[in-house]
Amino acid sequence: MSLGRINTQFFPDFGIDIITVSVAWSGASAEDIEGNIIKALEPELRFLDGVDKVTSSAREGRGAVALEYESGTDMQAALSSVESAVSRVATFPEDISTPEIVQVVRYDTISRLVLFGPYTQASLKRVAKQIRDDLLALGVDKVSIFPKPDEEIHVELPLERLLSLDMSLVQIASQIRASSQDLPSGDTGGKTNQQLRGIGMARTVEEIAAITVQAGENGEKITLGDIAELRDTFDPDAPAVFLNGHPAFELHIQRAVG
């Protein structure tokens, strides 16, 4: 394991402070977005205190307005002003999504930490995540891990367990998908075991294992962890980084600029 050189800052930060407002309107054309979203937002936002430049964009299904602010603007106050201004718009179509208001935060990398060694990629990634979480708990603004391989959670289901519960693999997959984020369709394989694979799941093995797959009339619950074996792994086809012949991950330790 090695620690990269810490950046030293001699000059103050210079940059552009930006707040964006975006609105989704399913099925709307770019022209409809321009006429009903952008033209409703711009008059409310253009003359807010500190706004230096306004840039708008309209495409099918979504419109956005970006506000660039003068140097030295109190961005917390600016964010509140934008939220109030958007709430005053009374001409939005009824079926739009809730407007998304985001202050763009810029980060400066102050240090890099490289992890490598004679361990599996999954083991090193777990260590990298733990270090990231510890640094964030200490007050570090942001920690990014590179590379970002596609993580997978494998679920091994013995066929006899499915039969005993009178459930199908499709039912199990649907319950996992309903309790997870960004879970695509699973796949099956083997004669005695059924396997599900989820790529890009925003859940941990522990959370997936706790999903209830069947509940009895008396309130007893059978969880996925009761009937299946779960494990963290990575997409074998995803690119990997090696250092001195060993898997490696790099953590970028960053602070907010401004």
Protein backbone atom coordinates (compact mmCIF):
# COMPACT_ATOMS: atom_id res chain seq x y z
CA MET A 1 0.00 0.00 0.00
CA SER A 2 1.36 3.44 -0.85
CA LEU A 3 0.25 7.04 -0.25
CA GLY A 4 0.54 9.56 -3.04
CA ARG A 5 1.96 13.05 -2.64
CA ILE A 6 -0.38 15.55 -0.95
CA ASN A 7 -1.11 18.62 -3.06
CA THR A 8 -0.05 21.95 -1.57
CA GLN A 9 -2.12 25.04 -2.33
CA PHE A 10 -0.47 28.46 -2.51
CA PHE A 11 -3.13 30.44 -4.35
CA PRO A 12 -6.83 30.93 -3.64
CA ASP A 13 -9.44 28.96 -5.58
CA PHE A 14 -11.02 30.54 -8.62
CA GLY A 15 -14.05 29.00 -10.25
CA ILE A 16 -17.61 29.49 -11.32
CA ASP A 17 -20.44 28.89 -8.87
CA ILE A 18 -23.40 27.28 -10.62
CA ILE A 19 -26.93 26.22 -9.70
CA THR A 20 -28.98 24.14 -12.12
CA VAL A 21 -32.73 23.66 -12.33
CA SER A 22 -33.95 20.71 -14.38
CA VAL A 23 -37.47 19.49 -15.05
CA ALA A 24 -38.54 16.20 -16.62
CA TRP A 25 -41.77 16.01 -18.63
CA SER A 26 -42.31 12.56 -20.05
CA GLY A 27 -43.23 12.45 -23.74
CA ALA A 28 -42.86 16.19 -24.32
CA SER A 29 -41.08 17.41 -27.43
CA ALA A 30 -38.15 19.82 -27.26
CA GLU A 31 -40.49 22.55 -28.51
CA ASP A 32 -43.00 21.85 -25.73
CA ILE A 33 -40.19 21.89 -23.17
CA GLU A 34 -38.98 25.25 -24.49
CA GLY A 35 -42.44 26.81 -24.49
CA ASN A 36 -43.79 25.43 -21.22
CA ILE A 37 -40.76 24.83 -19.01
CA ILE A 38 -37.88 27.08 -20.07
CA LYS A 39 -40.02 30.15 -20.75
CA ALA A 40 -41.72 29.69 -17.38
CA LEU A 41 -38.44 29.38 -15.47
CA GLU A 42 -36.24 32.03 -17.07
CA PRO A 43 -38.23 35.15 -16.01
CA GLU A 44 -38.22 33.96 -12.39
CA LEU A 45 -34.50 33.12 -12.34
CA ARG A 46 -32.75 35.60 -14.61
CA PHE A 47 -32.80 38.58 -12.27
CA LEU A 48 -32.06 36.90 -8.94
CA ASP A 49 -29.31 38.52 -6.88
CA GLY A 50 -25.82 37.53 -7.96
CA VAL A 51 -26.78 35.82 -11.22
CA ASP A 52 -24.20 36.64 -13.89
CA LYS A 53 -25.24 34.37 -16.76
CA VAL A 54 -28.21 32.14 -17.62
CA THR A 55 -27.95 29.18 -19.99
CA SER A 56 -30.96 27.08 -20.96
CA SER A 57 -31.38 23.82 -22.83
CA ALA A 58 -34.42 21.91 -24.04
CA ARG A 59 -34.57 18.38 -25.35
CA GLU A 60 -37.22 15.71 -25.60
CA GLY A 61 -38.54 14.96 -22.13
CA ARG A 62 -36.35 17.37 -20.16
CA GLY A 63 -35.44 21.04 -19.80
CA ALA A 64 -32.71 22.68 -17.76
CA VAL A 65 -31.57 26.15 -16.75
CA ALA A 66 -28.04 26.78 -15.46
CA LEU A 67 -27.28 29.92 -13.43
CA GLU A 68 -23.70 31.17 -13.17
CA TYR A 69 -23.03 33.46 -10.22
CA GLU A 70 -20.73 36.39 -9.59
CA SER A 71 -17.63 35.74 -7.52
CA GLY A 72 -18.25 36.07 -3.79
CA THR A 73 -21.96 35.27 -3.93
CA ASP A 74 -23.39 33.60 -0.83
CA MET A 75 -24.38 30.32 -2.47
CA GLN A 76 -26.53 29.08 0.38
CA ALA A 77 -28.65 32.21 0.11
CA ALA A 78 -28.62 31.87 -3.68
CA LEU A 79 -29.87 28.28 -3.43
CA SER A 80 -32.74 29.38 -1.19
CA SER A 81 -33.64 32.14 -3.64
CA VAL A 82 -33.74 29.69 -6.54
CA GLU A 83 -35.95 27.29 -4.59
CA SER A 84 -38.36 30.11 -3.77
CA ALA A 85 -38.39 31.35 -7.37
CA VAL A 86 -39.15 27.90 -8.78
CA SER A 87 -41.96 27.41 -6.27
CA ARG A 88 -43.57 30.62 -7.58
CA VAL A 89 -43.97 29.26 -11.11
CA ALA A 90 -47.69 28.68 -11.54
CA THR A 91 -47.83 27.76 -15.23
CA PHE A 92 -46.01 24.41 -15.23
CA PRO A 93 -47.93 21.55 -16.88
CA GLU A 94 -49.60 19.33 -14.29
CA ASP A 95 -47.80 16.11 -15.26
CA ILE A 96 -44.18 17.27 -14.94
CA SER A 97 -41.82 15.78 -12.38
CA THR A 98 -40.76 17.76 -9.34
CA PRO A 99 -38.08 20.28 -10.43
CA GLU A 100 -34.55 19.26 -9.44
CA ILE A 101 -32.44 22.10 -8.02
CA VAL A 102 -28.74 21.34 -7.62
CA GLN A 103 -25.77 23.43 -6.58
CA VAL A 104 -22.77 22.26 -8.58
CA VAL A 105 -19.96 21.46 -6.16
CA ARG A 106 -16.37 21.43 -7.42
CA TYR A 107 -13.80 19.21 -5.77
CA ASP A 108 -10.01 19.36 -5.58
CA THR A 109 -8.03 16.16 -5.10
CA ILE A 110 -5.63 16.68 -2.18
CA SER A 111 -4.24 13.17 -1.94
CA ARG A 112 -4.26 9.77 -3.63
CA LEU A 113 -4.05 6.44 -1.86
CA VAL A 114 -3.18 3.28 -3.80
CA LEU A 115 -4.15 -0.14 -2.45
CA PHE A 116 -2.64 -3.27 -3.96
CA GLY A 117 -1.41 -6.66 -2.86
CA PRO A 118 -1.79 -10.43 -3.16
CA TYR A 119 -5.53 -10.36 -2.52
CA THR A 120 -8.66 -10.81 -4.58
CA GLN A 121 -10.24 -7.83 -6.28
CA ALA A 122 -13.32 -8.22 -4.08
CA SER A 123 -11.23 -8.21 -0.87
CA LEU A 124 -9.33 -5.08 -1.90
CA LYS A 125 -12.54 -3.32 -2.90
CA ARG A 126 -14.03 -4.01 0.53
CA VAL A 127 -10.93 -2.51 2.19
CA ALA A 128 -11.11 0.51 -0.13
CA LYS A 129 -14.78 1.05 0.77
CA GLN A 130 -14.02 0.80 4.48
CA ILE A 131 -11.21 3.37 4.18
CA ARG A 132 -13.55 5.63 2.19
CA ASP A 133 -16.27 5.37 4.83
CA ASP A 134 -13.79 6.05 7.66
CA LEU A 135 -12.45 9.16 5.90
CA LEU A 136 -15.95 10.48 5.23
CA ALA A 137 -16.83 9.94 8.90
CA LEU A 138 -13.80 12.05 9.83
CA GLY A 139 -15.12 14.96 7.75
CA VAL A 140 -13.45 14.50 4.36
CA ASP A 141 -15.74 16.02 1.72
CA LYS A 142 -15.49 13.28 -0.91
CA VAL A 143 -13.57 10.06 -1.57
CA SER A 144 -13.72 8.45 -5.01
CA ILE A 145 -12.58 4.89 -5.75
CA PHE A 146 -11.01 3.97 -9.11
CA PRO A 147 -11.52 1.88 -11.13
CA LYS A 148 -15.22 1.29 -10.68
CA PRO A 149 -15.78 -2.31 -11.77
CA ASP A 150 -19.31 -3.55 -12.19
CA GLU A 151 -20.18 -5.13 -8.87
CA GLU A 152 -22.34 -8.20 -8.73
CA ILE A 153 -24.20 -10.03 -6.02
CA HIS A 154 -24.58 -13.71 -6.82
CA VAL A 155 -27.55 -15.54 -5.34
CA GLU A 156 -27.30 -19.35 -5.36
CA LEU A 157 -30.71 -21.01 -4.91
CA PRO A 158 -30.92 -24.80 -4.42
CA LEU A 159 -33.69 -26.11 -6.64
CA GLU A 160 -35.13 -28.25 -3.85
CA ARG A 161 -35.64 -25.15 -1.68
CA LEU A 162 -37.61 -23.44 -4.44
CA LEU A 163 -39.77 -26.54 -4.87
CA SER A 164 -40.40 -26.86 -1.13
CA LEU A 165 -41.64 -23.26 -1.03
CA ASP A 166 -43.67 -23.72 -4.22
CA MET A 167 -41.93 -20.68 -5.71
CA SER A 168 -40.29 -20.03 -9.06
CA LEU A 169 -37.05 -18.29 -9.87
CA VAL A 170 -39.04 -15.56 -11.61
CA GLN A 171 -40.92 -14.83 -8.38
CA ILE A 172 -37.69 -14.62 -6.38
CA ALA A 173 -36.11 -12.35 -9.00
CA SER A 174 -39.15 -10.06 -8.96
CA GLN A 175 -38.97 -9.69 -5.18
CA ILE A 176 -35.26 -8.88 -5.28
CA ARG A 177 -35.81 -6.41 -8.10
CA ALA A 178 -38.64 -4.69 -6.23
CA SER A 179 -36.39 -4.20 -3.20
CA SER A 180 -33.30 -3.08 -5.13
CA GLN A 181 -32.16 -0.31 -7.43
CA ASP A 182 -31.01 -0.69 -11.04
CA LEU A 183 -31.35 -4.47 -10.99
CA PRO A 184 -31.61 -5.90 -14.50
CA SER A 185 -33.00 -9.31 -15.32
CA GLY A 186 -31.24 -12.25 -13.72
CA ASP A 187 -30.02 -15.39 -15.39
CA THR A 188 -30.31 -19.04 -14.49
CA GLY A 189 -27.98 -21.94 -14.83
CA GLY A 190 -27.26 -25.44 -13.57
CA LYS A 191 -29.54 -28.38 -12.93
CA THR A 192 -29.50 -28.47 -9.15
CA ASN A 193 -28.98 -24.79 -8.40
CA GLN A 194 -30.52 -21.67 -9.82
CA GLN A 195 -28.37 -18.54 -10.03
CA LEU A 196 -29.35 -14.89 -10.12
CA ARG A 197 -26.88 -12.16 -10.97
CA GLY A 198 -27.47 -8.46 -10.38
CA ILE A 199 -25.11 -5.87 -11.85
CA GLY A 200 -24.97 -2.34 -10.47
CA MET A 201 -27.17 -3.10 -7.49
CA ALA A 202 -27.34 -0.31 -4.94
CA ARG A 203 -27.65 -2.79 -2.05
CA THR A 204 -25.34 -4.88 0.14
CA VAL A 205 -25.29 -8.65 0.54
CA GLU A 206 -26.76 -8.23 4.04
CA GLU A 207 -29.66 -6.11 2.76
CA ILE A 208 -30.41 -8.50 -0.08
CA ALA A 209 -30.29 -11.47 2.32
CA ALA A 210 -32.88 -9.76 4.55
CA ILE A 211 -35.49 -9.51 1.78
CA THR A 212 -38.63 -11.45 2.70
CA VAL A 213 -39.50 -13.99 0.02
CA GLN A 214 -42.42 -15.63 1.78
CA ALA A 215 -44.56 -14.79 4.81
CA GLY A 216 -46.80 -17.19 6.69
CA GLU A 217 -50.27 -16.57 8.08
CA ASN A 218 -48.88 -16.41 11.62
CA GLY A 219 -46.40 -13.69 10.75
CA GLU A 220 -43.32 -15.87 10.33
CA LYS A 221 -41.03 -14.76 7.52
CA ILE A 222 -38.64 -16.61 5.25
CA THR A 223 -35.84 -14.38 3.99
CA LEU A 224 -33.66 -14.85 0.95
CA GLY A 225 -30.73 -15.51 3.29
CA ASP A 226 -32.65 -18.46 4.77
CA ILE A 227 -32.84 -20.28 1.45
CA ALA A 228 -29.92 -19.03 -0.62
CA GLU A 229 -26.18 -18.43 -0.56
CA LEU A 230 -25.19 -14.85 -1.42
CA ARG A 231 -21.76 -13.45 -2.20
CA ASP A 232 -20.14 -10.26 -3.47
CA THR A 233 -18.14 -10.49 -6.65
CA PHE A 234 -17.34 -8.50 -9.81
CA ASP A 235 -18.23 -8.75 -13.44
CA PRO A 236 -15.37 -10.90 -14.83
CA ASP A 237 -15.50 -8.98 -18.12
CA ALA A 238 -15.08 -5.56 -16.45
CA PRO A 239 -11.66 -3.87 -16.82
CA ALA A 240 -9.28 -4.20 -13.87
CA VAL A 241 -6.09 -2.41 -12.79
CA PHE A 242 -2.97 -4.25 -11.64
CA LEU A 243 0.19 -2.98 -9.92
CA ASN A 244 3.25 -5.21 -9.64
CA GLY A 245 1.07 -8.07 -10.81
CA HIS A 246 -1.58 -7.57 -8.11
CA PRO A 247 -5.11 -6.08 -8.25
CA ALA A 248 -5.11 -2.40 -7.32
CA PHE A 249 -7.52 0.38 -6.41
CA GLU A 250 -6.83 4.11 -6.08
CA LEU A 251 -8.70 6.40 -3.70
CA HIS A 252 -8.91 10.09 -4.57
CA ILE A 253 -9.30 12.12 -1.37
CA GLN A 254 -11.03 15.40 -2.20
CA ARG A 255 -12.21 18.63 -0.63
CA ALA A 256 -14.94 20.96 -1.78
CA VAL A 257 -13.63 24.07 -3.54
CA GLY A 258 -15.01 27.48 -2.73
